[in-house]
Every structure is written in structure tokens, then in C-alpha cells.
């Protein structure tokens, strides 16, 4: 099972149109956390890894439909500015982190968009 962790703009409660896009390729699993710190980038946020295990970012975990990864990430990478057509030194990049589902504390390796910090 391939999963995606989202925070900020892509949260269900934010109401951004890209959330509707991702829901076409994923099923909602529930609230979850990943290790890191959320930073305010003025109108949107980013996530940076942290070495402190107490630093957690709350977001949502989604299960990606079988065979949907390429289409999902083509759209999300373009939205996050790290698609094939975007210039180098992207603001975000996609990486796998362990996400903990809050409902049952199960841990899932999930794709997450991290702030590149430049």
C-alpha cells in the first residue's frame, strides 16, 4: 500500500481545489503526524525535518489507489513546483517519511512534500 501525507494547503479542511484532485486518486485514512516542523511561508506552509522526536506535524494520511501514483504525482509535483517542467532548485521536493496514523498509532511509510529551505 502506497500512502501520501498532506499538511497545510492540501488538508481536507482547507478547501483548496488541489485537494479535490488528490481525492480522485486516494482514499482518506485519517489524521496522522510526521516528524518535523511546519514553517509559515506566507500564504502557505512547508515542512522541514527535525532531529528532535518531539517535533511533530499534524496532517492527513491517504492511501493511493493502485496504479494511480504516476497521475497523482504528475499533478501534485506540478502544483508543488517540483515537476519535470519546473526549474532546478525547487522550493519543495517529495520524500518518504514515517507517518503515524492517530486512530491506531500504526506507522506507514508515506510520501510527503518537504520544504527545500532556500
PDB file of N, CA and C in Angstrom:
ATOM      1  N   UNK A   1       0.851  -1.188   0.000  1.00  0.00           N
ATOM      2  CA  UNK A   1       0.000   0.000   0.000  1.00  0.00           C
ATOM      3  C   UNK A   1       0.886   1.237   0.000  1.00  0.00           C
ATOM      4  N   UNK A   2       0.700   2.105  -0.980  1.00  0.00           N
ATOM      5  CA  UNK A   2       1.447   3.348  -1.063  1.00  0.00           C
ATOM      6  C   UNK A   2       0.595   4.462  -0.457  1.00  0.00           C
ATOM      7  N   UNK A   3       1.224   5.333   0.352  1.00  0.00           N
ATOM      8  CA  UNK A   3       0.476   6.375   1.048  1.00  0.00           C
ATOM      9  C   UNK A   3       1.083   7.756   0.815  1.00  0.00           C
ATOM     10  N   UNK A   4       0.261   8.773   1.092  1.00  0.00           N
ATOM     11  CA  UNK A   4       0.646  10.172   0.956  1.00  0.00           C
ATOM     12  C   UNK A   4       0.218  10.902   2.219  1.00  0.00           C
ATOM     13  N   UNK A   5       1.132  11.673   2.807  1.00  0.00           N
ATOM     14  CA  UNK A   5       0.836  12.528   3.958  1.00  0.00           C
ATOM     15  C   UNK A   5       0.737  13.959   3.451  1.00  0.00           C
ATOM     16  N   UNK A   6      -0.349  14.655   3.831  1.00  0.00           N
ATOM     17  CA  UNK A   6      -0.506  16.055   3.443  1.00  0.00           C
ATOM     18  C   UNK A   6      -0.702  16.929   4.675  1.00  0.00           C
ATOM     19  N   UNK A   7      -0.360  18.184   4.530  1.00  0.00           N
ATOM     20  CA  UNK A   7      -0.496  19.192   5.584  1.00  0.00           C
ATOM     21  C   UNK A   7      -0.771  20.513   4.881  1.00  0.00           C
ATOM     22  N   UNK A   8      -1.163  21.509   5.594  1.00  0.00           N
ATOM     23  CA  UNK A   8      -1.328  22.845   5.013  1.00  0.00           C
ATOM     24  C   UNK A   8      -2.406  22.911   3.950  1.00  0.00           C
ATOM     25  N   UNK A   9      -2.060  23.429   2.792  1.00  0.00           N
ATOM     26  CA  UNK A   9      -2.996  23.704   1.706  1.00  0.00           C
ATOM     27  C   UNK A   9      -3.806  22.487   1.280  1.00  0.00           C
ATOM     28  N   UNK A  10      -3.231  21.298   1.336  1.00  0.00           N
ATOM     29  CA  UNK A  10      -3.902  20.100   0.827  1.00  0.00           C
ATOM     30  C   UNK A  10      -4.801  19.409   1.854  1.00  0.00           C
ATOM     31  N   UNK A  11      -4.911  19.952   3.056  1.00  0.00           N
ATOM     32  CA  UNK A  11      -5.794  19.357   4.055  1.00  0.00           C
ATOM     33  C   UNK A  11      -7.256  19.418   3.616  1.00  0.00           C
ATOM     34  N   UNK A  12      -8.018  18.441   4.051  1.00  0.00           N
ATOM     35  CA  UNK A  12      -9.449  18.378   3.746  1.00  0.00           C
ATOM     36  C   UNK A  12     -10.147  19.672   4.140  1.00  0.00           C
ATOM     37  N   UNK A  13      -9.815  20.223   5.285  1.00  0.00           N
ATOM     38  CA  UNK A  13     -10.498  21.401   5.816  1.00  0.00           C
ATOM     39  C   UNK A  13     -10.091  22.699   5.125  1.00  0.00           C
ATOM     40  N   UNK A  14      -9.025  22.692   4.352  1.00  0.00           N
ATOM     41  CA  UNK A  14      -8.547  23.927   3.721  1.00  0.00           C
ATOM     42  C   UNK A  14      -9.404  24.321   2.524  1.00  0.00           C
ATOM     43  N   UNK A  15      -9.989  23.345   1.832  1.00  0.00           N
ATOM     44  CA  UNK A  15     -10.881  23.633   0.710  1.00  0.00           C
ATOM     45  C   UNK A  15     -10.194  24.017  -0.584  1.00  0.00           C
ATOM     46  N   UNK A  16      -8.918  23.734  -0.720  1.00  0.00           N
ATOM     47  CA  UNK A  16      -8.191  24.077  -1.941  1.00  0.00           C
ATOM     48  C   UNK A  16      -8.578  23.114  -3.072  1.00  0.00           C
ATOM     49  N   UNK A  17      -8.716  23.590  -4.311  1.00  0.00           N
ATOM     50  CA  UNK A  17      -9.077  22.713  -5.427  1.00  0.00           C
ATOM     51  C   UNK A  17      -8.133  21.527  -5.629  1.00  0.00           C
ATOM     52  N   UNK A  18      -6.872  21.667  -5.273  1.00  0.00           N
ATOM     53  CA  UNK A  18      -5.940  20.546  -5.442  1.00  0.00           C
ATOM     54  C   UNK A  18      -6.271  19.400  -4.493  1.00  0.00           C
ATOM     55  N   UNK A  19      -6.968  19.695  -3.399  1.00  0.00           N
ATOM     56  CA  UNK A  19      -7.391  18.608  -2.524  1.00  0.00           C
ATOM     57  C   UNK A  19      -8.391  17.715  -3.268  1.00  0.00           C
ATOM     58  N   UNK A  20      -9.295  18.322  -4.016  1.00  0.00           N
ATOM     59  CA  UNK A  20     -10.245  17.540  -4.806  1.00  0.00           C
ATOM     60  C   UNK A  20      -9.518  16.696  -5.848  1.00  0.00           C
ATOM     61  N   UNK A  21      -8.458  17.243  -6.437  1.00  0.00           N
ATOM     62  CA  UNK A  21      -7.649  16.477  -7.389  1.00  0.00           C
ATOM     63  C   UNK A  21      -7.078  15.234  -6.727  1.00  0.00           C
ATOM     64  N   UNK A  22      -6.453  15.397  -5.562  1.00  0.00           N
ATOM     65  CA  UNK A  22      -5.821  14.242  -4.914  1.00  0.00           C
ATOM     66  C   UNK A  22      -6.854  13.211  -4.470  1.00  0.00           C
ATOM     67  N   UNK A  23      -8.043  13.654  -4.076  1.00  0.00           N
ATOM     68  CA  UNK A  23      -9.092  12.712  -3.664  1.00  0.00           C
ATOM     69  C   UNK A  23      -9.538  11.814  -4.823  1.00  0.00           C
ATOM     70  N   UNK A  24      -9.301  12.237  -6.063  1.00  0.00           N
ATOM     71  CA  UNK A  24      -9.608  11.404  -7.213  1.00  0.00           C
ATOM     72  C   UNK A  24      -8.676  10.212  -7.342  1.00  0.00           C
ATOM     73  N   UNK A  25      -7.537  10.254  -6.652  1.00  0.00           N
ATOM     74  CA  UNK A  25      -6.525   9.204  -6.751  1.00  0.00           C
ATOM     75  C   UNK A  25      -6.215   8.535  -5.417  1.00  0.00           C
ATOM     76  N   UNK A  26      -6.879   8.985  -4.338  1.00  0.00           N
ATOM     77  CA  UNK A  26      -6.551   8.498  -2.997  1.00  0.00           C
ATOM     78  C   UNK A  26      -7.806   8.310  -2.153  1.00  0.00           C
ATOM     79  N   UNK A  27      -7.666   7.491  -1.117  1.00  0.00           N
ATOM     80  CA  UNK A  27      -8.701   7.339  -0.096  1.00  0.00           C
ATOM     81  C   UNK A  27      -8.169   7.859   1.230  1.00  0.00           C
ATOM     82  N   UNK A  28      -8.995   8.616   1.934  1.00  0.00           N
ATOM     83  CA  UNK A  28      -8.636   9.188   3.232  1.00  0.00           C
ATOM     84  C   UNK A  28      -8.515   8.075   4.276  1.00  0.00           C
ATOM     85  N   UNK A  29      -7.379   8.041   4.977  1.00  0.00           N
ATOM     86  CA  UNK A  29      -7.189   7.074   6.065  1.00  0.00           C
ATOM     87  C   UNK A  29      -7.414   7.702   7.424  1.00  0.00           C
ATOM     88  N   UNK A  30      -7.095   8.998   7.580  1.00  0.00           N
ATOM     89  CA  UNK A  30      -7.304   9.668   8.853  1.00  0.00           C
ATOM     90  C   UNK A  30      -6.221  10.669   9.181  1.00  0.00           C
ATOM     91  N   UNK A  31      -6.390  11.297  10.338  1.00  0.00           N
ATOM     92  CA  UNK A  31      -5.394  12.241  10.840  1.00  0.00           C
ATOM     93  C   UNK A  31      -4.124  11.482  11.180  1.00  0.00           C
ATOM     94  N   UNK A  32      -2.988  12.138  10.944  1.00  0.00           N
ATOM     95  CA  UNK A  32      -1.696  11.491  11.163  1.00  0.00           C
ATOM     96  C   UNK A  32      -0.655  12.552  11.495  1.00  0.00           C
ATOM     97  N   UNK A  33       0.511  12.097  11.930  1.00  0.00           N
ATOM     98  CA  UNK A  33       1.631  13.001  12.188  1.00  0.00           C
ATOM     99  C   UNK A  33       2.887  12.460  11.529  1.00  0.00           C
ATOM    100  N   UNK A  34       3.808  13.383  11.241  1.00  0.00           N
ATOM    101  CA  UNK A  34       5.161  13.021  10.802  1.00  0.00           C
ATOM    102  C   UNK A  34       6.143  13.845  11.609  1.00  0.00           C
ATOM    103  N   UNK A  35       7.357  13.362  11.694  1.00  0.00           N
ATOM    104  CA  UNK A  35       8.397  14.105  12.384  1.00  0.00           C
ATOM    105  C   UNK A  35       8.820  15.315  11.569  1.00  0.00           C
ATOM    106  N   UNK A  36       8.919  16.469  12.228  1.00  0.00           N
ATOM    107  CA  UNK A  36       9.351  17.677  11.548  1.00  0.00           C
ATOM    108  C   UNK A  36       8.728  18.907  12.159  1.00  0.00           C
ATOM    109  N   UNK A  37       8.963  20.025  11.505  1.00  0.00           N
ATOM    110  CA  UNK A  37       8.449  21.314  11.941  1.00  0.00           C
ATOM    111  C   UNK A  37       7.753  21.976  10.756  1.00  0.00           C
ATOM    112  N   UNK A  38       6.589  22.540  11.007  1.00  0.00           N
ATOM    113  CA  UNK A  38       5.859  23.247   9.964  1.00  0.00           C
ATOM    114  C   UNK A  38       6.261  24.712  10.017  1.00  0.00           C
ATOM    115  N   UNK A  39       6.602  25.282   8.852  1.00  0.00           N
ATOM    116  CA  UNK A  39       7.024  26.676   8.783  1.00  0.00           C
ATOM    117  C   UNK A  39       6.048  27.469   7.923  1.00  0.00           C
ATOM    118  N   UNK A  40       5.795  28.704   8.321  1.00  0.00           N
ATOM    119  CA  UNK A  40       4.905  29.601   7.595  1.00  0.00           C
ATOM    120  C   UNK A  40       5.701  30.275   6.490  1.00  0.00           C
ATOM    121  N   UNK A  41       5.244  30.078   5.254  1.00  0.00           N
ATOM    122  CA  UNK A  41       5.929  30.662   4.106  1.00  0.00           C
ATOM    123  C   UNK A  41       5.138  31.810   3.486  1.00  0.00           C
ATOM    124  N   UNK A  42       4.192  32.356   4.258  1.00  0.00           N
ATOM    125  CA  UNK A  42       3.396  33.481   3.782  1.00  0.00           C
ATOM    126  C   UNK A  42       2.312  33.052   2.810  1.00  0.00           C
ATOM    127  N   UNK A  43       1.201  32.590   3.319  1.00  0.00           N
ATOM    128  CA  UNK A  43       0.099  32.144   2.481  1.00  0.00           C
ATOM    129  C   UNK A  43       0.040  30.639   2.295  1.00  0.00           C
ATOM    130  N   UNK A  44       1.093  29.971   2.622  1.00  0.00           N
ATOM    131  CA  UNK A  44       1.150  28.509   2.581  1.00  0.00           C
ATOM    132  C   UNK A  44       2.252  28.073   3.535  1.00  0.00           C
ATOM    133  N   UNK A  45       2.362  26.775   3.751  1.00  0.00           N
ATOM    134  CA  UNK A  45       3.355  26.315   4.718  1.00  0.00           C
ATOM    135  C   UNK A  45       4.261  25.258   4.104  1.00  0.00           C
ATOM    136  N   UNK A  46       5.337  25.014   4.804  1.00  0.00           N
ATOM    137  CA  UNK A  46       6.293  23.976   4.420  1.00  0.00           C
ATOM    138  C   UNK A  46       6.616  23.114   5.616  1.00  0.00           C
ATOM    139  N   UNK A  47       7.185  21.978   5.362  1.00  0.00           N
ATOM    140  CA  UNK A  47       7.573  21.051   6.414  1.00  0.00           C
ATOM    141  C   UNK A  47       9.065  20.791   6.282  1.00  0.00           C
ATOM    142  N   UNK A  48       9.775  20.935   7.384  1.00  0.00           N
ATOM    143  CA  UNK A  48      11.203  20.641   7.394  1.00  0.00           C
ATOM    144  C   UNK A  48      11.463  19.541   8.415  1.00  0.00           C
ATOM    145  N   UNK A  49      12.315  18.587   8.080  1.00  0.00           N
ATOM    146  CA  UNK A  49      12.638  17.523   9.032  1.00  0.00           C
ATOM    147  C   UNK A  49      13.292  18.093  10.282  1.00  0.00           C
ATOM    148  N   UNK A  50      13.165  17.362  11.362  1.00  0.00           N
ATOM    149  CA  UNK A  50      13.760  17.768  12.629  1.00  0.00           C
ATOM    150  C   UNK A  50      14.421  16.564  13.275  1.00  0.00           C
ATOM    151  N   UNK A  51      15.528  16.791  13.937  1.00  0.00           N
ATOM    152  CA  UNK A  51      16.196  15.730  14.668  1.00  0.00           C
ATOM    153  C   UNK A  51      15.577  15.473  16.038  1.00  0.00           C
ATOM    154  N   UNK A  52      14.655  16.333  16.446  1.00  0.00           N
ATOM    155  CA  UNK A  52      14.011  16.200  17.754  1.00  0.00           C
ATOM    156  C   UNK A  52      12.741  15.361  17.607  1.00  0.00           C
ATOM    157  N   UNK A  53      12.665  14.182  18.225  1.00  0.00           N
ATOM    158  CA  UNK A  53      11.489  13.326  18.078  1.00  0.00           C
ATOM    159  C   UNK A  53      10.200  13.935  18.623  1.00  0.00           C
ATOM    160  N   UNK A  54      10.311  15.004  19.422  1.00  0.00           N
ATOM    161  CA  UNK A  54       9.114  15.682  19.946  1.00  0.00           C
ATOM    162  C   UNK A  54       8.468  16.595  18.907  1.00  0.00           C
ATOM    163  N   UNK A  55       9.220  16.947  17.865  1.00  0.00           N
ATOM    164  CA  UNK A  55       8.687  17.817  16.805  1.00  0.00           C
ATOM    165  C   UNK A  55       7.819  16.979  15.873  1.00  0.00           C
ATOM    166  N   UNK A  56       6.516  17.268  15.831  1.00  0.00           N
ATOM    167  CA  UNK A  56       5.563  16.529  15.009  1.00  0.00           C
ATOM    168  C   UNK A  56       4.660  17.504  14.267  1.00  0.00           C
ATOM    169  N   UNK A  57       4.368  17.199  13.040  1.00  0.00           N
ATOM    170  CA  UNK A  57       3.429  17.977  12.234  1.00  0.00           C
ATOM    171  C   UNK A  57       2.174  17.137  12.053  1.00  0.00           C
ATOM    172  N   UNK A  58       1.021  17.732  12.344  1.00  0.00           N
ATOM    173  CA  UNK A  58      -0.262  17.039  12.198  1.00  0.00           C
ATOM    174  C   UNK A  58      -0.801  17.302  10.799  1.00  0.00           C
ATOM    175  N   UNK A  59      -1.273  16.251  10.170  1.00  0.00           N
ATOM    176  CA  UNK A  59      -1.850  16.351   8.835  1.00  0.00           C
ATOM    177  C   UNK A  59      -2.796  15.194   8.594  1.00  0.00           C
ATOM    178  N   UNK A  60      -2.882  14.760   7.340  1.00  0.00           N
ATOM    179  CA  UNK A  60      -3.786  13.681   6.964  1.00  0.00           C
ATOM    180  C   UNK A  60      -3.049  12.651   6.123  1.00  0.00           C
ATOM    181  N   UNK A  61      -3.443  11.398   6.282  1.00  0.00           N
ATOM    182  CA  UNK A  61      -2.834  10.303   5.548  1.00  0.00           C
ATOM    183  C   UNK A  61      -3.842   9.734   4.558  1.00  0.00           C
ATOM    184  N   UNK A  62      -3.384   9.502   3.333  1.00  0.00           N
ATOM    185  CA  UNK A  62      -4.212   8.961   2.266  1.00  0.00           C
ATOM    186  C   UNK A  62      -3.563   7.712   1.675  1.00  0.00           C
ATOM    187  N   UNK A  63      -4.400   6.739   1.313  1.00  0.00           N
ATOM    188  CA  UNK A  63      -3.926   5.562   0.586  1.00  0.00           C
ATOM    189  C   UNK A  63      -4.105   5.850  -0.899  1.00  0.00           C
ATOM    190  N   UNK A  64      -3.019   5.692  -1.661  1.00  0.00           N
ATOM    191  CA  UNK A  64      -3.057   5.945  -3.095  1.00  0.00           C
ATOM    192  C   UNK A  64      -3.641   4.719  -3.792  1.00  0.00           C
ATOM    193  N   UNK A  65      -4.598   4.965  -4.693  1.00  0.00           N
ATOM    194  CA  UNK A  65      -5.207   3.869  -5.443  1.00  0.00           C
ATOM    195  C   UNK A  65      -4.146   3.127  -6.250  1.00  0.00           C
ATOM    196  N   UNK A  66      -4.306   1.820  -6.381  1.00  0.00           N
ATOM    197  CA  UNK A  66      -3.396   1.013  -7.188  1.00  0.00           C
ATOM    198  C   UNK A  66      -3.324   1.565  -8.600  1.00  0.00           C
ATOM    199  N   UNK A  67      -2.115   1.768  -9.082  1.00  0.00           N
ATOM    200  CA  UNK A  67      -1.901   2.245 -10.439  1.00  0.00           C
ATOM    201  C   UNK A  67      -2.101   3.735 -10.639  1.00  0.00           C
ATOM    202  N   UNK A  68      -2.371   4.483  -9.580  1.00  0.00           N
ATOM    203  CA  UNK A  68      -2.672   5.913  -9.717  1.00  0.00           C
ATOM    204  C   UNK A  68      -1.489   6.822  -9.393  1.00  0.00           C
ATOM    205  N   UNK A  69      -0.377   6.263  -8.938  1.00  0.00           N
ATOM    206  CA  UNK A  69       0.747   7.092  -8.471  1.00  0.00           C
ATOM    207  C   UNK A  69       1.269   8.045  -9.536  1.00  0.00           C
ATOM    208  N   UNK A  70       1.460   7.557 -10.756  1.00  0.00           N
ATOM    209  CA  UNK A  70       2.034   8.420 -11.796  1.00  0.00           C
ATOM    210  C   UNK A  70       1.163   9.637 -12.067  1.00  0.00           C
ATOM    211  N   UNK A  71      -0.135   9.438 -12.215  1.00  0.00           N
ATOM    212  CA  UNK A  71      -1.040  10.560 -12.487  1.00  0.00           C
ATOM    213  C   UNK A  71      -1.138  11.488 -11.281  1.00  0.00           C
ATOM    214  N   UNK A  72      -1.233  10.911 -10.087  1.00  0.00           N
ATOM    215  CA  UNK A  72      -1.311  11.712  -8.871  1.00  0.00           C
ATOM    216  C   UNK A  72      -0.084  12.601  -8.733  1.00  0.00           C
ATOM    217  N   UNK A  73       1.097  11.992  -8.823  1.00  0.00           N
ATOM    218  CA  UNK A  73       2.309  12.767  -8.587  1.00  0.00           C
ATOM    219  C   UNK A  73       2.660  13.698  -9.735  1.00  0.00           C
ATOM    220  N   UNK A  74       2.196  13.406 -10.916  1.00  0.00           N
ATOM    221  CA  UNK A  74       2.374  14.347 -12.020  1.00  0.00           C
ATOM    222  C   UNK A  74       1.669  15.660 -11.684  1.00  0.00           C
ATOM    223  N   UNK A  75       0.431  15.568 -11.212  1.00  0.00           N
ATOM    224  CA  UNK A  75      -0.327  16.765 -10.845  1.00  0.00           C
ATOM    225  C   UNK A  75       0.182  17.445  -9.592  1.00  0.00           C
ATOM    226  N   UNK A  76       0.465  16.656  -8.548  1.00  0.00           N
ATOM    227  CA  UNK A  76       0.927  17.252  -7.293  1.00  0.00           C
ATOM    228  C   UNK A  76       2.327  17.837  -7.423  1.00  0.00           C
ATOM    229  N   UNK A  77       3.225  17.155  -8.148  1.00  0.00           N
ATOM    230  CA  UNK A  77       4.571  17.700  -8.340  1.00  0.00           C
ATOM    231  C   UNK A  77       4.506  19.050  -9.057  1.00  0.00           C
ATOM    232  N   UNK A  78       3.647  19.150 -10.072  1.00  0.00           N
ATOM    233  CA  UNK A  78       3.498  20.423 -10.782  1.00  0.00           C
ATOM    234  C   UNK A  78       2.954  21.501  -9.841  1.00  0.00           C
ATOM    235  N   UNK A  79       1.967  21.146  -9.012  1.00  0.00           N
ATOM    236  CA  UNK A  79       1.397  22.095  -8.055  1.00  0.00           C
ATOM    237  C   UNK A  79       2.445  22.564  -7.045  1.00  0.00           C
ATOM    238  N   UNK A  80       3.276  21.643  -6.579  1.00  0.00           N
ATOM    239  CA  UNK A  80       4.296  21.967  -5.571  1.00  0.00           C
ATOM    240  C   UNK A  80       5.548  22.582  -6.190  1.00  0.00           C
ATOM    241  N   UNK A  81       5.577  22.699  -7.516  1.00  0.00           N
ATOM    242  CA  UNK A  81       6.714  23.336  -8.184  1.00  0.00           C
ATOM    243  C   UNK A  81       7.938  22.457  -8.297  1.00  0.00           C
ATOM    244  N   UNK A  82       7.750  21.152  -8.266  1.00  0.00           N
ATOM    245  CA  UNK A  82       8.900  20.248  -8.392  1.00  0.00           C
ATOM    246  C   UNK A  82       8.654  19.199  -9.474  1.00  0.00           C
ATOM    247  N   UNK A  83       7.890  19.583 -10.496  1.00  0.00           N
ATOM    248  CA  UNK A  83       7.617  18.700 -11.613  1.00  0.00           C
ATOM    249  C   UNK A  83       8.754  18.706 -12.615  1.00  0.00           C
ATOM    250  N   UNK A  84       8.635  17.871 -13.614  1.00  0.00           N
ATOM    251  CA  UNK A  84       9.681  17.746 -14.634  1.00  0.00           C
ATOM    252  C   UNK A  84       9.908  19.047 -15.397  1.00  0.00           C
ATOM    253  N   UNK A  85       8.878  19.876 -15.534  1.00  0.00           N
ATOM    254  CA  UNK A  85       8.997  21.120 -16.296  1.00  0.00           C
ATOM    255  C   UNK A  85       9.417  22.311 -15.443  1.00  0.00           C
ATOM    256  N   UNK A  86       9.579  22.107 -14.143  1.00  0.00           N
ATOM    257  CA  UNK A  86       9.955  23.209 -13.258  1.00  0.00           C
ATOM    258  C   UNK A  86      11.470  23.389 -13.237  1.00  0.00           C
ATOM    259  N   UNK A  87      11.924  24.626 -12.987  1.00  0.00           N
ATOM    260  CA  UNK A  87      13.377  24.862 -12.932  1.00  0.00           C
ATOM    261  C   UNK A  87      14.008  24.150 -11.736  1.00  0.00           C
ATOM    262  N   UNK A  88      15.311  23.989 -11.815  1.00  0.00           N
ATOM    263  CA  UNK A  88      16.058  23.389 -10.702  1.00  0.00           C
ATOM    264  C   UNK A  88      15.926  24.254  -9.453  1.00  0.00           C
ATOM    265  N   UNK A  89      16.411  23.749  -8.336  1.00  0.00           N
ATOM    266  CA  UNK A  89      16.330  24.426  -7.043  1.00  0.00           C
ATOM    267  C   UNK A  89      14.869  24.664  -6.651  1.00  0.00           C
ATOM    268  N   UNK A  90      14.099  23.595  -6.694  1.00  0.00           N
ATOM    269  CA  UNK A  90      12.687  23.660  -6.358  1.00  0.00           C
ATOM    270  C   UNK A  90      12.494  24.050  -4.904  1.00  0.00           C
ATOM    271  N   UNK A  91      11.378  24.718  -4.636  1.00  0.00           N
ATOM    272  CA  UNK A  91      11.037  25.107  -3.272  1.00  0.00           C
ATOM    273  C   UNK A  91      10.667  23.884  -2.425  1.00  0.00           C
ATOM    274  N   UNK A  92      10.068  22.865  -3.069  1.00  0.00           N
ATOM    275  CA  UNK A  92       9.665  21.635  -2.389  1.00  0.00           C
ATOM    276  C   UNK A  92      10.228  20.431  -3.116  1.00  0.00           C
ATOM    277  N   UNK A  93      10.345  19.339  -2.393  1.00  0.00           N
ATOM    278  CA  UNK A  93      10.695  18.064  -3.013  1.00  0.00           C
ATOM    279  C   UNK A  93       9.907  16.974  -2.309  1.00  0.00           C
ATOM    280  N   UNK A  94       9.686  15.879  -3.017  1.00  0.00           N
ATOM    281  CA  UNK A  94       8.899  14.760  -2.486  1.00  0.00           C
ATOM    282  C   UNK A  94       9.848  13.720  -1.908  1.00  0.00           C
ATOM    283  N   UNK A  95       9.521  13.275  -0.691  1.00  0.00           N
ATOM    284  CA  UNK A  95      10.384  12.347   0.048  1.00  0.00           C
ATOM    285  C   UNK A  95       9.493  11.416   0.871  1.00  0.00           C
ATOM    286  N   UNK A  96      10.010  10.269   1.255  1.00  0.00           N
ATOM    287  CA  UNK A  96       9.258   9.347   2.111  1.00  0.00           C
ATOM    288  C   UNK A  96       9.664   9.531   3.573  1.00  0.00           C
ATOM    289  N   UNK A  97       8.644   9.612   4.434  1.00  0.00           N
ATOM    290  CA  UNK A  97       8.837   9.673   5.885  1.00  0.00           C
ATOM    291  C   UNK A  97       7.840   8.717   6.527  1.00  0.00           C
ATOM    292  N   UNK A  98       8.116   8.340   7.763  1.00  0.00           N
ATOM    293  CA  UNK A  98       7.155   7.541   8.514  1.00  0.00           C
ATOM    294  C   UNK A  98       6.052   8.443   9.044  1.00  0.00           C
ATOM    295  N   UNK A  99       4.806   8.070   8.751  1.00  0.00           N
ATOM    296  CA  UNK A  99       3.640   8.794   9.240  1.00  0.00           C
ATOM    297  C   UNK A  99       2.904   7.900  10.232  1.00  0.00           C
ATOM    298  N   UNK A 100       2.505   8.473  11.343  1.00  0.00           N
ATOM    299  CA  UNK A 100       1.771   7.735  12.373  1.00  0.00           C
ATOM    300  C   UNK A 100       0.302   8.111  12.308  1.00  0.00           C
ATOM    301  N   UNK A 101      -0.542   7.123  12.021  1.00  0.00           N
ATOM    302  CA  UNK A 101      -1.989   7.334  11.985  1.00  0.00           C
ATOM    303  C   UNK A 101      -2.475   7.494  13.419  1.00  0.00           C
ATOM    304  N   UNK A 102      -3.169   8.575  13.729  1.00  0.00           N
ATOM    305  CA  UNK A 102      -3.558   8.862  15.108  1.00  0.00           C
ATOM    306  C   UNK A 102      -4.593   7.877  15.654  1.00  0.00           C
ATOM    307  N   UNK A 103      -5.460   7.355  14.807  1.00  0.00           N
ATOM    308  CA  UNK A 103      -6.545   6.475  15.265  1.00  0.00           C
ATOM    309  C   UNK A 103      -6.025   5.204  15.923  1.00  0.00           C
ATOM    310  N   UNK A 104      -4.966   4.617  15.365  1.00  0.00           N
ATOM    311  CA  UNK A 104      -4.477   3.340  15.907  1.00  0.00           C
ATOM    312  C   UNK A 104      -2.967   3.314  16.134  1.00  0.00           C
ATOM    313  N   UNK A 105      -2.312   4.460  15.916  1.00  0.00           N
ATOM    314  CA  UNK A 105      -0.863   4.614  16.091  1.00  0.00           C
ATOM    315  C   UNK A 105      -0.047   3.701  15.183  1.00  0.00           C
ATOM    316  N   UNK A 106      -0.666   3.219  14.090  1.00  0.00           N
ATOM    317  CA  UNK A 106       0.098   2.429  13.120  1.00  0.00           C
ATOM    318  C   UNK A 106       1.006   3.367  12.329  1.00  0.00           C
ATOM    319  N   UNK A 107       2.148   2.852  11.923  1.00  0.00           N
ATOM    320  CA  UNK A 107       3.143   3.648  11.202  1.00  0.00           C
ATOM    321  C   UNK A 107       3.163   3.204   9.744  1.00  0.00           C
ATOM    322  N   UNK A 108       3.137   4.184   8.843  1.00  0.00           N
ATOM    323  CA  UNK A 108       3.112   3.934   7.399  1.00  0.00           C
ATOM    324  C   UNK A 108       4.180   4.788   6.736  1.00  0.00           C
ATOM    325  N   UNK A 109       4.979   4.178   5.870  1.00  0.00           N
ATOM    326  CA  UNK A 109       5.913   4.972   5.078  1.00  0.00           C
ATOM    327  C   UNK A 109       5.086   5.738   4.053  1.00  0.00           C
ATOM    328  N   UNK A 110       5.204   7.058   4.053  1.00  0.00           N
ATOM    329  CA  UNK A 110       4.349   7.893   3.211  1.00  0.00           C
ATOM    330  C   UNK A 110       5.177   8.916   2.445  1.00  0.00           C
ATOM    331  N   UNK A 111       4.698   9.242   1.250  1.00  0.00           N
ATOM    332  CA  UNK A 111       5.263  10.366   0.518  1.00  0.00           C
ATOM    333  C   UNK A 111       4.812  11.650   1.197  1.00  0.00           C
ATOM    334  N   UNK A 112       5.703  12.625   1.260  1.00  0.00           N
ATOM    335  CA  UNK A 112       5.376  13.937   1.818  1.00  0.00           C
ATOM    336  C   UNK A 112       6.203  14.979   1.077  1.00  0.00           C
ATOM    337  N   UNK A 113       5.646  16.150   0.902  1.00  0.00           N
ATOM    338  CA  UNK A 113       6.372  17.237   0.273  1.00  0.00           C
ATOM    339  C   UNK A 113       7.088  18.039   1.356  1.00  0.00           C
ATOM    340  N   UNK A 114       8.411  18.121   1.239  1.00  0.00           N
ATOM    341  CA  UNK A 114       9.240  18.828   2.210  1.00  0.00           C
ATOM    342  C   UNK A 114       9.726  20.146   1.616  1.00  0.00           C
ATOM    343  N   UNK A 115       9.837  21.130   2.484  1.00  0.00           N
ATOM    344  CA  UNK A 115      10.360  22.435   2.089  1.00  0.00           C
ATOM    345  C   UNK A 115      11.859  22.324   1.894  1.00  0.00           C
ATOM    346  N   UNK A 116      12.346  22.853   0.764  1.00  0.00           N
ATOM    347  CA  UNK A 116      13.758  22.753   0.414  1.00  0.00           C
ATOM    348  C   UNK A 116      14.601  23.791   1.152  1.00  0.00           C
ATOM    349  N   UNK A 117      13.969  24.797   1.719  1.00  0.00           N
ATOM    350  CA  UNK A 117      14.657  25.730   2.607  1.00  0.00           C
ATOM    351  C   UNK A 117      15.600  26.706   1.953  1.00  0.00           C
ATOM    352  N   UNK A 118      15.405  27.023   0.675  1.00  0.00           N
ATOM    353  CA  UNK A 118      16.283  28.011   0.053  1.00  0.00           C
ATOM    354  C   UNK A 118      15.573  29.325  -0.141  1.00  0.00           C
TER     355      UNK A 118
END
